[in-house]
Protein backbone atom coordinates (compact mmCIF):
# COMPACT_ATOMS: atom_id res chain seq x y z
CA MET A 1 -10.93 -23.12 -20.67
CA SER A 2 -11.99 -26.24 -18.80
CA ASN A 3 -15.90 -27.15 -18.40
CA ALA A 4 -15.29 -26.38 -14.38
CA VAL A 5 -14.52 -22.91 -15.05
CA ASN A 6 -17.44 -22.09 -17.52
CA ASN A 7 -18.95 -18.50 -18.41
CA GLN A 8 -20.81 -18.64 -15.14
CA ARG A 9 -18.20 -19.84 -12.77
CA LEU A 10 -15.47 -17.76 -14.37
CA PRO A 11 -16.16 -14.16 -12.17
CA VAL A 12 -15.91 -16.50 -9.03
CA ALA A 13 -12.64 -18.06 -10.08
CA VAL A 14 -11.05 -14.81 -10.83
CA TRP A 15 -12.21 -13.25 -7.58
CA SER A 16 -10.91 -16.48 -5.79
CA ARG A 17 -7.54 -16.33 -7.62
CA LEU A 18 -6.97 -12.66 -6.74
CA VAL A 19 -7.81 -12.91 -3.19
CA ARG A 20 -5.36 -15.68 -2.87
CA VAL A 21 -2.45 -13.97 -4.37
CA TYR A 22 -3.46 -10.66 -2.17
CA GLN A 23 -3.34 -13.06 0.66
CA LYS A 24 -0.27 -14.57 -0.18
CA VAL A 25 1.73 -11.20 -1.10
CA ASP A 26 0.02 -9.54 2.06
CA ARG A 27 1.78 -12.37 4.22
CA LEU A 28 5.06 -11.54 2.79
CA SER A 29 4.71 -8.14 3.06
CA GLU A 30 3.77 -8.18 6.82
CA HIS A 31 6.46 -10.51 7.49
CA ASN A 32 8.95 -8.03 5.47
CA PHE A 33 7.51 -5.17 7.67
CA ALA A 34 7.59 -6.83 10.96
CA GLY A 35 11.38 -6.90 10.81
CA LEU A 36 11.34 -3.20 10.57
CA GLY A 37 8.82 -2.81 13.60
CA LEU A 38 6.21 -1.83 11.24
CA ASN A 39 2.73 -3.30 9.73
CA THR A 40 1.38 -2.64 6.30
CA ALA A 41 -0.89 0.41 7.41
CA CYS A 42 1.90 2.31 8.94
CA PHE A 43 4.45 1.24 5.91
CA ASP A 44 1.61 2.76 3.69
CA VAL A 45 1.54 5.87 5.66
CA ILE A 46 5.29 6.27 5.90
CA ALA A 47 5.66 5.55 1.91
CA ARG A 48 2.86 8.01 0.99
CA VAL A 49 4.13 10.63 3.45
CA ALA A 50 7.72 10.24 2.13
CA SER A 51 6.52 10.77 -1.49
CA HIS A 52 4.21 13.63 -0.76
CA GLU A 53 5.69 15.49 2.22
CA GLY A 54 3.27 18.38 3.27
CA LEU A 55 0.20 16.51 2.21
CA THR A 56 -2.69 16.92 4.67
CA GLN A 57 -4.39 14.20 6.70
CA GLY A 58 -7.27 14.21 4.49
CA GLU A 59 -5.30 13.97 1.38
CA LEU A 60 -3.57 11.01 2.99
CA ALA A 61 -6.73 9.47 3.71
CA ALA A 62 -8.21 9.95 0.26
CA SER A 63 -5.12 8.25 -1.26
CA LEU A 64 -5.17 5.54 1.48
CA LEU A 65 -8.78 4.40 0.85
CA VAL A 66 -9.40 4.01 4.59
CA THR A 67 -11.49 6.14 6.67
CA LYS A 68 -10.12 9.52 8.22
CA GLY A 69 -10.60 8.00 11.79
CA ASN A 70 -8.08 5.03 11.03
CA VAL A 71 -5.63 7.67 9.34
CA SER A 72 -5.93 9.81 12.48
CA GLN A 73 -5.01 6.75 14.68
CA LEU A 74 -2.43 5.56 12.53
CA VAL A 75 -0.90 9.34 12.20
CA THR A 76 -1.08 9.60 15.79
CA LYS A 77 0.75 6.42 16.64
CA LEU A 78 3.55 7.29 14.28
CA VAL A 79 3.85 10.74 15.74
CA ALA A 80 4.06 9.13 19.20
CA SER A 81 6.82 6.78 17.63
CA GLY A 82 8.85 9.83 16.50
CA LEU A 83 8.49 9.08 12.62
CA VAL A 84 5.93 11.67 11.40
CA GLU A 85 5.01 15.16 12.72
CA ARG A 86 2.36 17.39 11.95
CA ARG A 87 2.94 21.06 11.08
CA ALA A 88 0.03 23.81 11.41
CA GLU A 89 0.24 25.67 7.93
CA GLY A 90 -2.90 27.88 8.21
CA ARG A 91 -5.86 26.06 9.27
CA SER A 92 -4.62 22.98 8.03
CA GLN A 93 -2.19 20.12 9.46
CA HIS A 94 0.33 18.93 7.14
CA LEU A 95 2.25 15.97 7.42
CA PHE A 96 6.06 15.46 7.19
CA LEU A 97 8.61 12.70 8.21
CA THR A 98 10.95 13.18 11.05
CA ALA A 99 14.72 12.41 10.28
CA ARG A 100 14.04 8.78 11.68
CA GLY A 101 11.12 8.57 9.57
CA ARG A 102 13.28 9.10 6.48
CA GLU A 103 15.79 7.05 7.45
CA LEU A 104 13.15 4.08 7.92
CA ALA A 105 11.76 4.97 4.46
CA ALA A 106 15.09 4.84 2.87
CA VAL A 107 15.05 1.31 3.86
CA ALA A 108 11.48 0.34 3.98
CA VAL A 109 10.32 1.46 0.56
CA PRO A 110 13.30 0.02 -1.26
CA ARG A 111 12.95 -3.61 0.49
CA GLN A 112 9.32 -3.82 -0.38
CA GLU A 113 9.87 -2.45 -3.85
CA ALA A 114 12.27 -5.73 -4.03
CA LEU A 115 9.74 -7.72 -2.47
CA LEU A 116 7.00 -6.92 -5.05
CA ALA A 117 9.35 -7.34 -7.82
CA GLN A 118 10.29 -10.75 -6.64
CA THR A 119 6.68 -11.81 -6.31
CA LEU A 120 6.07 -10.75 -9.80
CA ALA A 121 8.94 -12.10 -11.29
CA PRO A 122 7.39 -15.06 -12.60
CA LEU A 123 5.55 -12.68 -14.86
CA SER A 124 7.19 -10.98 -18.09
CA ARG A 125 7.27 -7.23 -18.06
CA GLY A 126 4.83 -6.92 -20.64
CA GLU A 127 2.62 -9.43 -18.71
CA GLN A 128 3.06 -7.19 -15.36
CA ALA A 129 2.12 -4.24 -17.92
CA ASP A 130 -0.78 -6.22 -19.21
CA LEU A 131 -2.20 -7.31 -15.68
CA LEU A 132 -2.02 -3.63 -14.43
CA ARG A 133 -3.84 -2.30 -17.28
CA LEU A 134 -6.56 -5.04 -16.78
CA LEU A 135 -6.82 -4.02 -13.21
CA ARG A 136 -7.00 -0.64 -13.80
CA ARG A 137 -9.90 -1.17 -16.33
CA TRP A 138 -11.51 -3.61 -14.02
CA GLU A 139 -11.38 -0.87 -11.00
CA ARG A 140 -12.64 2.18 -13.30
CA SER A 141 -15.65 -0.11 -14.30
CA GLN A 142 -16.87 -0.24 -10.46
C-alpha cells in the first residue's frame, strides 16, 4: 500500500472508488434503459414485480430501499403506462405486470444482466464472489 493511502485515508479511498464505480455503472445502465423508454427506478420496479408477481406495494418499497411515497408515484406512473396493474386482494393491493410489462421485462432484464456481466468481466468469477461477500459483510455491519 502506498504512503498516500495510509490507514487513515484507506476508508476514504475505498468509499471514493466505490462511488466512482457506481456512477460509471449507473450511467451505462441509464443509457441502456433509455433505449427501452425506462429509467433505473422504473426498471427496478418492473424487474422486482416480474420476479415476485403479486407482491404488495409495501413489500415492493421495502425491497427497493426507497420511500413508500416514491414507490407509490413510480407504480402510478407504470400503471398509467400500461406496464403494471394493481389488483385488490382482500384489503391489500397486489402488483402484477401486464402483458406489455412482461414483454418489456423479458427484454430489459436480460439486457441489464448482460451489461452488468460486461462491467464485471475484468474480475474473475472468484473475484466477483469475493467482492459480493465483502460488500455484504460491510453492508450488514452498518
